[in-house]
N, C-alpha and C. Protein backbone atom coordinates (compact mmCIF):
# COMPACT_ATOMS: atom_id res chain seq x y z
N MET A 1 -2.05 -12.38 1.48
CA MET A 1 -2.18 -10.94 1.67
C MET A 1 -3.65 -10.59 1.88
N LYS A 2 -3.90 -9.71 2.83
CA LYS A 2 -5.26 -9.28 3.12
C LYS A 2 -5.70 -8.19 2.15
N VAL A 3 -6.86 -8.41 1.51
CA VAL A 3 -7.47 -7.44 0.61
C VAL A 3 -8.84 -7.09 1.18
N VAL A 4 -9.08 -5.80 1.44
CA VAL A 4 -10.33 -5.36 2.06
C VAL A 4 -11.23 -4.73 1.02
N LEU A 5 -12.44 -5.24 0.90
CA LEU A 5 -13.44 -4.68 0.00
C LEU A 5 -14.39 -3.81 0.81
N ALA A 6 -14.49 -2.55 0.41
CA ALA A 6 -15.37 -1.61 1.10
C ALA A 6 -16.81 -1.89 0.72
N ASP A 7 -17.63 -2.23 1.70
CA ASP A 7 -19.02 -2.62 1.46
C ASP A 7 -19.92 -1.39 1.58
N TYR A 8 -20.38 -0.88 0.43
CA TYR A 8 -21.26 0.29 0.44
C TYR A 8 -22.74 -0.10 0.35
N GLY A 9 -23.02 -1.41 0.45
CA GLY A 9 -24.40 -1.85 0.51
C GLY A 9 -24.92 -2.49 -0.76
N ALA A 10 -24.08 -2.63 -1.78
CA ALA A 10 -24.49 -3.27 -3.02
C ALA A 10 -23.24 -3.75 -3.73
N GLY A 11 -23.44 -4.35 -4.91
CA GLY A 11 -22.28 -4.72 -5.71
C GLY A 11 -22.05 -6.21 -5.76
N ASN A 12 -21.04 -6.57 -6.52
CA ASN A 12 -20.73 -7.97 -6.81
C ASN A 12 -19.58 -8.46 -5.94
N LEU A 13 -19.72 -8.29 -4.63
CA LEU A 13 -18.60 -8.55 -3.73
C LEU A 13 -18.23 -10.03 -3.67
N ARG A 14 -19.21 -10.91 -3.76
CA ARG A 14 -18.91 -12.34 -3.64
C ARG A 14 -18.01 -12.80 -4.79
N SER A 15 -18.33 -12.41 -6.01
CA SER A 15 -17.53 -12.86 -7.15
C SER A 15 -16.15 -12.23 -7.14
N VAL A 16 -16.04 -10.99 -6.68
CA VAL A 16 -14.73 -10.34 -6.59
C VAL A 16 -13.89 -11.02 -5.51
N CYS A 17 -14.50 -11.34 -4.38
CA CYS A 17 -13.79 -12.07 -3.33
C CYS A 17 -13.26 -13.40 -3.84
N ALA A 18 -14.10 -14.13 -4.56
CA ALA A 18 -13.68 -15.42 -5.09
C ALA A 18 -12.51 -15.26 -6.04
N ALA A 19 -12.53 -14.21 -6.86
CA ALA A 19 -11.44 -13.99 -7.81
C ALA A 19 -10.14 -13.64 -7.08
N PHE A 20 -10.23 -12.85 -6.03
CA PHE A 20 -9.03 -12.53 -5.25
C PHE A 20 -8.50 -13.77 -4.52
N GLU A 21 -9.39 -14.63 -4.05
CA GLU A 21 -8.95 -15.87 -3.43
C GLU A 21 -8.17 -16.72 -4.42
N ARG A 22 -8.66 -16.81 -5.65
CA ARG A 22 -7.95 -17.58 -6.68
C ARG A 22 -6.59 -16.96 -6.98
N ALA A 23 -6.46 -15.64 -6.77
CA ALA A 23 -5.19 -14.95 -7.01
C ALA A 23 -4.24 -15.08 -5.82
N GLY A 24 -4.69 -15.77 -4.76
CA GLY A 24 -3.83 -16.02 -3.61
C GLY A 24 -3.97 -15.04 -2.47
N ALA A 25 -5.00 -14.19 -2.51
CA ALA A 25 -5.21 -13.19 -1.47
C ALA A 25 -6.24 -13.68 -0.45
N GLU A 26 -6.33 -12.94 0.64
CA GLU A 26 -7.32 -13.20 1.69
C GLU A 26 -8.30 -12.03 1.70
N PRO A 27 -9.42 -12.13 0.94
CA PRO A 27 -10.35 -11.00 0.87
C PRO A 27 -11.26 -10.91 2.09
N VAL A 28 -11.54 -9.69 2.50
CA VAL A 28 -12.42 -9.42 3.63
C VAL A 28 -13.38 -8.31 3.21
N VAL A 29 -14.67 -8.50 3.44
CA VAL A 29 -15.66 -7.47 3.16
C VAL A 29 -16.01 -6.77 4.47
N THR A 30 -16.00 -5.43 4.45
CA THR A 30 -16.24 -4.71 5.71
C THR A 30 -16.92 -3.37 5.48
N THR A 31 -17.62 -2.93 6.51
CA THR A 31 -18.16 -1.56 6.54
C THR A 31 -17.40 -0.71 7.57
N ASP A 32 -16.35 -1.26 8.14
CA ASP A 32 -15.59 -0.59 9.20
C ASP A 32 -14.56 0.36 8.57
N PRO A 33 -14.71 1.68 8.76
CA PRO A 33 -13.78 2.63 8.16
C PRO A 33 -12.33 2.40 8.59
N ALA A 34 -12.11 2.01 9.83
CA ALA A 34 -10.75 1.79 10.31
C ALA A 34 -10.07 0.65 9.57
N VAL A 35 -10.81 -0.41 9.30
CA VAL A 35 -10.26 -1.55 8.57
C VAL A 35 -9.94 -1.14 7.14
N VAL A 36 -10.84 -0.39 6.52
CA VAL A 36 -10.62 0.09 5.15
C VAL A 36 -9.41 1.02 5.10
N ARG A 37 -9.28 1.87 6.10
CA ARG A 37 -8.20 2.87 6.13
C ARG A 37 -6.82 2.21 6.22
N GLU A 38 -6.72 1.12 6.98
CA GLU A 38 -5.41 0.55 7.30
C GLU A 38 -5.05 -0.70 6.51
N ALA A 39 -5.94 -1.20 5.68
CA ALA A 39 -5.68 -2.45 4.96
C ALA A 39 -4.47 -2.34 4.03
N PRO A 40 -3.77 -3.45 3.80
CA PRO A 40 -2.67 -3.42 2.82
C PRO A 40 -3.15 -3.01 1.44
N LEU A 41 -4.35 -3.48 1.07
CA LEU A 41 -4.97 -3.10 -0.21
C LEU A 41 -6.46 -2.96 0.01
N ALA A 42 -7.03 -1.84 -0.41
CA ALA A 42 -8.47 -1.64 -0.34
C ALA A 42 -9.03 -1.63 -1.76
N VAL A 43 -10.24 -2.17 -1.90
CA VAL A 43 -10.90 -2.27 -3.19
C VAL A 43 -12.32 -1.74 -3.08
N VAL A 44 -12.71 -0.92 -4.05
CA VAL A 44 -14.11 -0.53 -4.20
C VAL A 44 -14.59 -1.19 -5.48
N ALA A 45 -15.40 -2.23 -5.32
CA ALA A 45 -15.88 -3.00 -6.46
C ALA A 45 -17.38 -2.78 -6.58
N GLY A 46 -17.88 -2.78 -7.80
CA GLY A 46 -19.31 -2.57 -7.84
C GLY A 46 -19.95 -2.64 -9.20
N VAL A 47 -21.25 -2.80 -9.13
CA VAL A 47 -22.13 -2.67 -10.28
C VAL A 47 -23.28 -1.79 -9.80
N GLY A 48 -24.05 -1.27 -10.73
CA GLY A 48 -25.21 -0.51 -10.33
C GLY A 48 -25.05 0.98 -10.49
N HIS A 49 -25.70 1.73 -9.63
CA HIS A 49 -25.89 3.17 -9.76
C HIS A 49 -24.85 3.94 -8.97
N THR A 50 -24.20 4.89 -9.63
CA THR A 50 -23.13 5.66 -8.99
C THR A 50 -23.63 6.42 -7.78
N GLU A 51 -24.78 7.06 -7.90
CA GLU A 51 -25.29 7.89 -6.81
C GLU A 51 -25.53 7.08 -5.54
N SER A 52 -26.16 5.91 -5.68
CA SER A 52 -26.43 5.10 -4.50
C SER A 52 -25.14 4.54 -3.91
N ALA A 53 -24.18 4.20 -4.77
CA ALA A 53 -22.90 3.71 -4.27
C ALA A 53 -22.16 4.80 -3.50
N ALA A 54 -22.13 6.01 -4.06
CA ALA A 54 -21.47 7.13 -3.39
C ALA A 54 -22.14 7.44 -2.05
N ARG A 55 -23.46 7.38 -2.03
CA ARG A 55 -24.19 7.64 -0.79
C ARG A 55 -23.88 6.58 0.25
N GLY A 56 -23.79 5.32 -0.19
CA GLY A 56 -23.46 4.23 0.73
C GLY A 56 -22.08 4.40 1.34
N LEU A 57 -21.11 4.84 0.54
CA LEU A 57 -19.77 5.08 1.07
C LEU A 57 -19.77 6.21 2.10
N GLU A 58 -20.47 7.29 1.78
CA GLU A 58 -20.52 8.44 2.70
C GLU A 58 -21.22 8.08 4.01
N GLU A 59 -22.36 7.41 3.92
CA GLU A 59 -23.16 7.10 5.11
C GLU A 59 -22.41 6.17 6.07
N ARG A 60 -21.55 5.33 5.56
CA ARG A 60 -20.80 4.39 6.39
C ARG A 60 -19.45 4.92 6.85
N GLY A 61 -19.12 6.14 6.43
CA GLY A 61 -17.82 6.70 6.78
C GLY A 61 -16.67 6.15 5.95
N LEU A 62 -17.02 5.38 4.90
CA LEU A 62 -16.00 4.75 4.09
C LEU A 62 -15.35 5.73 3.11
N ALA A 63 -16.11 6.73 2.67
CA ALA A 63 -15.55 7.70 1.73
C ALA A 63 -14.37 8.44 2.37
N GLU A 64 -14.54 8.87 3.61
CA GLU A 64 -13.45 9.56 4.31
C GLU A 64 -12.26 8.63 4.51
N ALA A 65 -12.54 7.37 4.85
CA ALA A 65 -11.45 6.40 5.05
C ALA A 65 -10.68 6.17 3.75
N LEU A 66 -11.38 6.11 2.64
CA LEU A 66 -10.72 5.91 1.35
C LEU A 66 -9.87 7.13 0.97
N ARG A 67 -10.40 8.31 1.22
CA ARG A 67 -9.62 9.53 0.94
C ARG A 67 -8.37 9.59 1.83
N ASP A 68 -8.53 9.18 3.08
CA ASP A 68 -7.39 9.18 4.01
C ASP A 68 -6.28 8.24 3.54
N ARG A 69 -6.67 7.04 3.08
CA ARG A 69 -5.65 6.09 2.69
C ARG A 69 -4.92 6.54 1.43
N VAL A 70 -5.65 7.16 0.50
CA VAL A 70 -5.00 7.67 -0.71
C VAL A 70 -4.06 8.81 -0.36
N ALA A 71 -4.49 9.69 0.55
CA ALA A 71 -3.63 10.79 0.98
C ALA A 71 -2.36 10.27 1.64
N GLY A 72 -2.45 9.10 2.27
CA GLY A 72 -1.30 8.50 2.92
C GLY A 72 -0.50 7.58 2.02
N GLY A 73 -0.86 7.51 0.73
CA GLY A 73 -0.12 6.69 -0.21
C GLY A 73 -0.37 5.20 -0.10
N ARG A 74 -1.52 4.82 0.48
CA ARG A 74 -1.85 3.39 0.61
C ARG A 74 -2.70 2.97 -0.59
N PRO A 75 -2.44 1.79 -1.16
CA PRO A 75 -3.04 1.42 -2.44
C PRO A 75 -4.55 1.21 -2.39
N LEU A 76 -5.20 1.68 -3.45
CA LEU A 76 -6.64 1.57 -3.62
C LEU A 76 -6.94 1.22 -5.07
N LEU A 77 -7.80 0.22 -5.27
CA LEU A 77 -8.25 -0.18 -6.59
C LEU A 77 -9.76 -0.02 -6.69
N GLY A 78 -10.21 0.64 -7.75
CA GLY A 78 -11.63 0.74 -8.05
C GLY A 78 -11.96 -0.13 -9.25
N ILE A 79 -13.08 -0.88 -9.17
CA ILE A 79 -13.50 -1.76 -10.25
C ILE A 79 -14.88 -1.33 -10.74
N CYS A 80 -15.02 -1.11 -12.04
CA CYS A 80 -16.26 -0.73 -12.70
C CYS A 80 -16.84 0.55 -12.07
N VAL A 81 -17.98 0.48 -11.41
CA VAL A 81 -18.51 1.67 -10.72
C VAL A 81 -17.49 2.18 -9.71
N GLY A 82 -16.73 1.27 -9.12
CA GLY A 82 -15.68 1.68 -8.18
C GLY A 82 -14.63 2.57 -8.83
N MET A 83 -14.31 2.32 -10.11
CA MET A 83 -13.39 3.21 -10.82
C MET A 83 -14.05 4.56 -11.05
N GLN A 84 -15.30 4.57 -11.44
CA GLN A 84 -16.00 5.84 -11.67
C GLN A 84 -16.06 6.67 -10.39
N LEU A 85 -16.17 5.99 -9.24
CA LEU A 85 -16.23 6.70 -7.97
C LEU A 85 -14.91 7.38 -7.60
N LEU A 86 -13.82 7.03 -8.26
CA LEU A 86 -12.56 7.71 -8.01
C LEU A 86 -12.57 9.14 -8.51
N PHE A 87 -13.51 9.45 -9.41
CA PHE A 87 -13.59 10.76 -10.04
C PHE A 87 -14.63 11.63 -9.33
N GLY A 88 -15.00 12.73 -9.96
CA GLY A 88 -15.90 13.69 -9.35
C GLY A 88 -17.35 13.45 -9.73
N GLU A 89 -17.99 14.46 -10.27
CA GLU A 89 -19.42 14.40 -10.55
C GLU A 89 -19.72 13.44 -11.70
N SER A 90 -20.84 12.72 -11.56
CA SER A 90 -21.26 11.78 -12.59
C SER A 90 -22.58 12.21 -13.19
N GLU A 91 -22.70 12.07 -14.51
CA GLU A 91 -23.98 12.35 -15.16
C GLU A 91 -25.06 11.36 -14.74
N GLU A 92 -24.66 10.24 -14.17
CA GLU A 92 -25.64 9.28 -13.66
C GLU A 92 -26.26 9.79 -12.36
N GLY A 93 -25.63 10.78 -11.76
CA GLY A 93 -26.10 11.33 -10.49
C GLY A 93 -25.09 11.09 -9.40
N GLY A 94 -24.98 12.04 -8.50
CA GLY A 94 -24.09 11.86 -7.37
C GLY A 94 -22.69 12.40 -7.60
N GLN A 95 -21.95 12.44 -6.53
CA GLN A 95 -20.58 12.95 -6.53
C GLN A 95 -19.66 11.85 -6.06
N GLY A 96 -18.61 11.60 -6.85
CA GLY A 96 -17.65 10.59 -6.48
C GLY A 96 -16.70 11.06 -5.40
N LEU A 97 -15.62 10.34 -5.23
CA LEU A 97 -14.65 10.64 -4.17
C LEU A 97 -13.75 11.82 -4.52
N GLY A 98 -13.67 12.18 -5.79
CA GLY A 98 -12.85 13.32 -6.19
C GLY A 98 -11.36 13.08 -6.04
N LEU A 99 -10.94 11.83 -6.12
CA LEU A 99 -9.52 11.51 -5.97
C LEU A 99 -8.75 11.76 -7.27
N LEU A 100 -9.46 11.72 -8.38
CA LEU A 100 -8.90 12.03 -9.69
C LEU A 100 -9.77 13.09 -10.35
N ALA A 101 -9.14 13.99 -11.10
CA ALA A 101 -9.86 15.08 -11.73
C ALA A 101 -10.57 14.61 -13.00
N GLY A 102 -11.81 15.03 -13.13
CA GLY A 102 -12.56 14.73 -14.34
C GLY A 102 -13.95 14.21 -14.03
N PRO A 103 -14.88 14.39 -14.96
CA PRO A 103 -16.25 13.92 -14.77
C PRO A 103 -16.43 12.48 -15.25
N VAL A 104 -17.61 11.94 -14.94
CA VAL A 104 -18.06 10.67 -15.48
C VAL A 104 -19.28 10.97 -16.33
N ARG A 105 -19.21 10.58 -17.60
CA ARG A 105 -20.29 10.93 -18.54
C ARG A 105 -20.85 9.67 -19.21
N GLN A 106 -22.10 9.82 -19.68
CA GLN A 106 -22.72 8.71 -20.41
C GLN A 106 -21.95 8.46 -21.71
N ILE A 107 -21.78 7.19 -22.03
CA ILE A 107 -21.08 6.81 -23.25
C ILE A 107 -21.87 7.28 -24.47
N GLN A 108 -21.18 7.89 -25.42
CA GLN A 108 -21.79 8.31 -26.66
C GLN A 108 -21.46 7.27 -27.73
N ALA A 109 -22.36 6.34 -27.94
CA ALA A 109 -22.13 5.25 -28.90
C ALA A 109 -23.47 4.75 -29.41
N ARG A 110 -23.42 4.01 -30.50
CA ARG A 110 -24.66 3.45 -31.06
C ARG A 110 -25.25 2.41 -30.12
N ARG A 111 -24.39 1.70 -29.40
CA ARG A 111 -24.85 0.63 -28.51
C ARG A 111 -24.48 0.96 -27.08
N VAL A 112 -25.50 1.24 -26.29
CA VAL A 112 -25.32 1.51 -24.86
C VAL A 112 -26.34 0.65 -24.12
N PRO A 113 -25.91 -0.11 -23.12
CA PRO A 113 -24.60 -0.10 -22.49
C PRO A 113 -23.51 -0.76 -23.34
N HIS A 114 -22.28 -0.49 -22.96
CA HIS A 114 -21.11 -1.18 -23.50
C HIS A 114 -21.05 -2.50 -22.76
N MET A 115 -21.45 -3.57 -23.43
CA MET A 115 -21.64 -4.85 -22.75
C MET A 115 -20.93 -5.95 -23.50
N GLY A 116 -20.09 -6.70 -22.79
CA GLY A 116 -19.43 -7.85 -23.38
C GLY A 116 -17.92 -7.68 -23.45
N TRP A 117 -17.31 -8.50 -24.29
CA TRP A 117 -15.86 -8.56 -24.39
C TRP A 117 -15.33 -7.51 -25.34
N ASN A 118 -14.18 -6.93 -24.97
CA ASN A 118 -13.55 -5.93 -25.82
C ASN A 118 -12.04 -5.96 -25.56
N ALA A 119 -11.28 -5.59 -26.60
CA ALA A 119 -9.82 -5.71 -26.52
C ALA A 119 -9.20 -4.44 -25.95
N LEU A 120 -8.29 -4.61 -25.00
CA LEU A 120 -7.60 -3.50 -24.38
C LEU A 120 -6.51 -2.94 -25.29
N SER A 121 -6.38 -1.63 -25.27
CA SER A 121 -5.22 -0.96 -25.86
C SER A 121 -4.45 -0.35 -24.70
N VAL A 122 -3.36 -1.01 -24.30
CA VAL A 122 -2.63 -0.64 -23.09
C VAL A 122 -1.47 0.28 -23.45
N SER A 123 -1.37 1.39 -22.72
CA SER A 123 -0.33 2.38 -22.99
C SER A 123 0.65 2.57 -21.85
N GLY A 124 0.44 1.88 -20.73
CA GLY A 124 1.35 2.04 -19.60
C GLY A 124 0.80 1.42 -18.34
N GLY A 125 1.40 1.77 -17.22
CA GLY A 125 0.95 1.28 -15.93
C GLY A 125 1.49 -0.10 -15.59
N GLU A 126 1.24 -0.52 -14.37
CA GLU A 126 1.73 -1.81 -13.87
C GLU A 126 0.66 -2.90 -13.91
N LEU A 127 -0.58 -2.55 -13.62
CA LEU A 127 -1.62 -3.56 -13.47
C LEU A 127 -1.92 -4.31 -14.76
N LEU A 128 -1.76 -3.64 -15.90
CA LEU A 128 -2.13 -4.25 -17.18
C LEU A 128 -0.91 -4.62 -18.03
N ALA A 129 0.25 -4.68 -17.42
CA ALA A 129 1.47 -5.02 -18.16
C ALA A 129 1.30 -6.37 -18.85
N GLY A 130 1.62 -6.41 -20.13
CA GLY A 130 1.53 -7.64 -20.88
C GLY A 130 0.14 -7.98 -21.39
N LEU A 131 -0.82 -7.08 -21.23
CA LEU A 131 -2.20 -7.37 -21.61
C LEU A 131 -2.69 -6.54 -22.79
N ASP A 132 -1.79 -5.89 -23.51
CA ASP A 132 -2.22 -5.15 -24.69
C ASP A 132 -2.86 -6.11 -25.69
N GLY A 133 -4.08 -5.79 -26.10
CA GLY A 133 -4.81 -6.65 -27.02
C GLY A 133 -5.65 -7.72 -26.36
N ALA A 134 -5.52 -7.88 -25.05
CA ALA A 134 -6.30 -8.90 -24.34
C ALA A 134 -7.77 -8.51 -24.27
N ASP A 135 -8.64 -9.50 -24.37
CA ASP A 135 -10.08 -9.27 -24.25
C ASP A 135 -10.48 -9.35 -22.78
N VAL A 136 -11.26 -8.35 -22.35
CA VAL A 136 -11.79 -8.33 -20.99
C VAL A 136 -13.27 -7.98 -21.06
N TYR A 137 -13.97 -8.19 -19.95
CA TYR A 137 -15.43 -8.08 -19.96
C TYR A 137 -15.92 -6.76 -19.36
N PHE A 138 -16.77 -6.06 -20.12
CA PHE A 138 -17.33 -4.78 -19.71
C PHE A 138 -18.84 -4.87 -19.54
N ALA A 139 -19.38 -4.03 -18.65
CA ALA A 139 -20.82 -3.88 -18.50
C ALA A 139 -21.07 -2.50 -17.88
N HIS A 140 -21.20 -1.47 -18.72
CA HIS A 140 -21.38 -0.11 -18.19
C HIS A 140 -21.96 0.81 -19.25
N SER A 141 -22.61 1.88 -18.76
CA SER A 141 -23.18 2.90 -19.63
C SER A 141 -22.51 4.25 -19.46
N TYR A 142 -21.67 4.37 -18.43
CA TYR A 142 -20.97 5.62 -18.13
C TYR A 142 -19.48 5.35 -18.06
N ALA A 143 -18.70 6.38 -18.33
CA ALA A 143 -17.24 6.21 -18.32
C ALA A 143 -16.57 7.50 -17.86
N ALA A 144 -15.44 7.34 -17.20
CA ALA A 144 -14.67 8.48 -16.73
C ALA A 144 -13.98 9.19 -17.89
N GLU A 145 -13.83 10.51 -17.74
CA GLU A 145 -13.10 11.32 -18.70
C GLU A 145 -12.03 12.10 -17.94
N PRO A 146 -10.88 11.47 -17.70
CA PRO A 146 -9.84 12.09 -16.86
C PRO A 146 -9.34 13.42 -17.43
N GLU A 147 -9.06 14.35 -16.53
CA GLU A 147 -8.52 15.65 -16.91
C GLU A 147 -7.05 15.75 -16.57
N GLU A 148 -6.43 14.61 -16.29
CA GLU A 148 -5.00 14.54 -16.01
C GLU A 148 -4.46 13.25 -16.64
N PRO A 149 -3.16 13.15 -16.85
CA PRO A 149 -2.61 12.00 -17.58
C PRO A 149 -2.51 10.73 -16.73
N VAL A 150 -3.65 10.12 -16.47
CA VAL A 150 -3.69 8.91 -15.65
C VAL A 150 -4.16 7.69 -16.43
N THR A 151 -4.62 7.88 -17.66
CA THR A 151 -5.15 6.78 -18.45
C THR A 151 -4.03 5.83 -18.87
N VAL A 152 -4.19 4.54 -18.59
CA VAL A 152 -3.18 3.55 -18.98
C VAL A 152 -3.75 2.52 -19.95
N ALA A 153 -5.06 2.58 -20.22
CA ALA A 153 -5.65 1.68 -21.20
C ALA A 153 -6.99 2.24 -21.67
N THR A 154 -7.29 1.97 -22.94
CA THR A 154 -8.58 2.33 -23.51
C THR A 154 -9.13 1.12 -24.27
N VAL A 155 -10.42 1.22 -24.64
CA VAL A 155 -11.02 0.27 -25.57
C VAL A 155 -11.77 1.07 -26.62
N ASP A 156 -12.03 0.45 -27.75
CA ASP A 156 -12.77 1.11 -28.82
C ASP A 156 -14.21 0.64 -28.80
N HIS A 157 -15.13 1.58 -28.57
CA HIS A 157 -16.56 1.30 -28.63
C HIS A 157 -17.21 2.51 -29.28
N ASP A 158 -17.18 2.53 -30.62
CA ASP A 158 -17.56 3.73 -31.38
C ASP A 158 -16.72 4.92 -30.94
N GLY A 159 -15.44 4.68 -30.73
CA GLY A 159 -14.52 5.68 -30.22
C GLY A 159 -13.88 5.19 -28.94
N PRO A 160 -12.81 5.86 -28.50
CA PRO A 160 -12.09 5.38 -27.32
C PRO A 160 -12.85 5.62 -26.02
N ILE A 161 -12.80 4.64 -25.15
CA ILE A 161 -13.34 4.73 -23.79
C ILE A 161 -12.22 4.37 -22.84
N VAL A 162 -12.10 5.13 -21.76
CA VAL A 162 -11.06 4.86 -20.77
C VAL A 162 -11.37 3.55 -20.06
N ALA A 163 -10.40 2.62 -20.12
CA ALA A 163 -10.60 1.30 -19.53
C ALA A 163 -9.82 1.10 -18.24
N ALA A 164 -8.77 1.89 -18.01
CA ALA A 164 -7.99 1.75 -16.79
C ALA A 164 -7.19 3.02 -16.53
N VAL A 165 -7.00 3.31 -15.25
CA VAL A 165 -6.22 4.48 -14.83
C VAL A 165 -5.26 4.06 -13.73
N GLU A 166 -4.15 4.76 -13.65
CA GLU A 166 -3.19 4.56 -12.55
C GLU A 166 -2.52 5.89 -12.24
N ARG A 167 -2.35 6.14 -10.95
CA ARG A 167 -1.53 7.26 -10.48
C ARG A 167 -1.00 6.92 -9.10
N GLY A 168 0.29 6.61 -9.05
CA GLY A 168 0.87 6.24 -7.77
C GLY A 168 0.20 5.00 -7.21
N ALA A 169 -0.33 5.12 -5.98
CA ALA A 169 -0.97 3.99 -5.31
C ALA A 169 -2.48 3.94 -5.56
N LEU A 170 -2.93 4.65 -6.59
CA LEU A 170 -4.36 4.70 -6.91
C LEU A 170 -4.57 4.14 -8.32
N ALA A 171 -5.52 3.22 -8.46
CA ALA A 171 -5.76 2.61 -9.76
C ALA A 171 -7.23 2.25 -9.90
N GLY A 172 -7.66 2.15 -11.15
CA GLY A 172 -9.03 1.73 -11.42
C GLY A 172 -9.12 1.02 -12.75
N VAL A 173 -10.04 0.06 -12.83
CA VAL A 173 -10.33 -0.62 -14.09
C VAL A 173 -11.83 -0.56 -14.33
N GLN A 174 -12.22 -0.16 -15.55
CA GLN A 174 -13.63 -0.06 -15.88
C GLN A 174 -14.25 -1.43 -16.14
N PHE A 175 -13.45 -2.37 -16.57
CA PHE A 175 -13.93 -3.72 -16.85
C PHE A 175 -14.00 -4.53 -15.55
N HIS A 176 -14.53 -5.74 -15.68
CA HIS A 176 -14.68 -6.64 -14.53
C HIS A 176 -13.60 -7.71 -14.58
N PRO A 177 -12.52 -7.58 -13.83
CA PRO A 177 -11.49 -8.63 -13.85
C PRO A 177 -12.01 -9.98 -13.37
N GLU A 178 -12.98 -9.96 -12.46
CA GLU A 178 -13.51 -11.22 -11.93
C GLU A 178 -14.32 -11.99 -12.97
N ARG A 179 -14.64 -11.33 -14.10
CA ARG A 179 -15.40 -11.99 -15.17
C ARG A 179 -14.58 -12.06 -16.46
N SER A 180 -13.29 -11.76 -16.36
CA SER A 180 -12.46 -11.63 -17.56
C SER A 180 -11.45 -12.76 -17.73
N ASP A 181 -11.76 -13.93 -17.22
CA ASP A 181 -10.99 -15.13 -17.46
C ASP A 181 -9.50 -14.93 -17.11
N ARG A 182 -8.60 -15.40 -17.95
CA ARG A 182 -7.17 -15.37 -17.62
C ARG A 182 -6.63 -13.95 -17.55
N ALA A 183 -7.10 -13.09 -18.43
CA ALA A 183 -6.62 -11.70 -18.40
C ALA A 183 -7.01 -11.03 -17.08
N GLY A 184 -8.24 -11.28 -16.63
CA GLY A 184 -8.68 -10.71 -15.37
C GLY A 184 -7.91 -11.25 -14.19
N ALA A 185 -7.62 -12.55 -14.22
CA ALA A 185 -6.83 -13.15 -13.14
C ALA A 185 -5.44 -12.53 -13.09
N LYS A 186 -4.86 -12.27 -14.26
CA LYS A 186 -3.54 -11.64 -14.31
C LYS A 186 -3.59 -10.23 -13.74
N VAL A 187 -4.67 -9.49 -14.01
CA VAL A 187 -4.82 -8.14 -13.45
C VAL A 187 -4.83 -8.19 -11.92
N LEU A 188 -5.56 -9.12 -11.35
CA LEU A 188 -5.65 -9.20 -9.89
C LEU A 188 -4.32 -9.63 -9.27
N THR A 189 -3.63 -10.57 -9.92
CA THR A 189 -2.30 -10.96 -9.44
C THR A 189 -1.34 -9.78 -9.50
N SER A 190 -1.39 -9.03 -10.60
CA SER A 190 -0.55 -7.84 -10.74
C SER A 190 -0.92 -6.77 -9.73
N THR A 191 -2.21 -6.67 -9.41
CA THR A 191 -2.66 -5.70 -8.41
C THR A 191 -2.06 -6.01 -7.04
N ILE A 192 -2.03 -7.27 -6.68
CA ILE A 192 -1.45 -7.66 -5.40
C ILE A 192 0.03 -7.31 -5.36
N THR A 193 0.75 -7.62 -6.43
CA THR A 193 2.19 -7.29 -6.52
C THR A 193 2.39 -5.78 -6.46
N TRP A 194 1.59 -5.04 -7.23
CA TRP A 194 1.65 -3.57 -7.27
C TRP A 194 1.42 -2.97 -5.88
N SER A 195 0.42 -3.51 -5.17
CA SER A 195 0.08 -2.94 -3.86
C SER A 195 1.20 -3.13 -2.84
N ARG A 196 1.97 -4.20 -3.00
CA ARG A 196 3.06 -4.45 -2.06
C ARG A 196 4.20 -3.47 -2.25
N SER A 197 4.35 -2.93 -3.47
CA SER A 197 5.44 -2.01 -3.75
C SER A 197 4.99 -0.56 -3.78
N ALA A 198 3.69 -0.32 -3.61
CA ALA A 198 3.14 1.05 -3.72
C ALA A 198 3.58 1.89 -2.52
């Protein structure tokens, strides 16, 4: 299955591609809006600064392509900064895609960034089925605060932090599945299955 990663000019695309290859997919990195718009599954993966990522998507015409595919019910997965970009304004700076309602705010905790392994508390959704209590890898200082019932998993880091969201053919994970060993591999395999039925 072809998986298209939207290239906004930064991010950990090589490691995400390798993880999707291990999951049996054919990953392609592109800046072409038409390819992103029509792919069986599109992914926005990333690390770094929300504002620069959002600007990269807009400048390449990828933001419009991503909004078009979601409006058409075509599956989209956001990873880490990519999940934050599914939402609106971020305290880190910049405006996300606005596909889900709610801001992105700096984590209020004794230890920021939230870095390392943490156990998921899964409450629903397809991508994380069977992973309640599984440890996955996080590296972030900001987190989404959804204003609609899309949260399907949280983690505890001096209080709950949203770890995953799903709504129809739109999903996001705050953690890095490509760095999360067997649990992460299972998420990507489930994502491929989910995208085929979305």
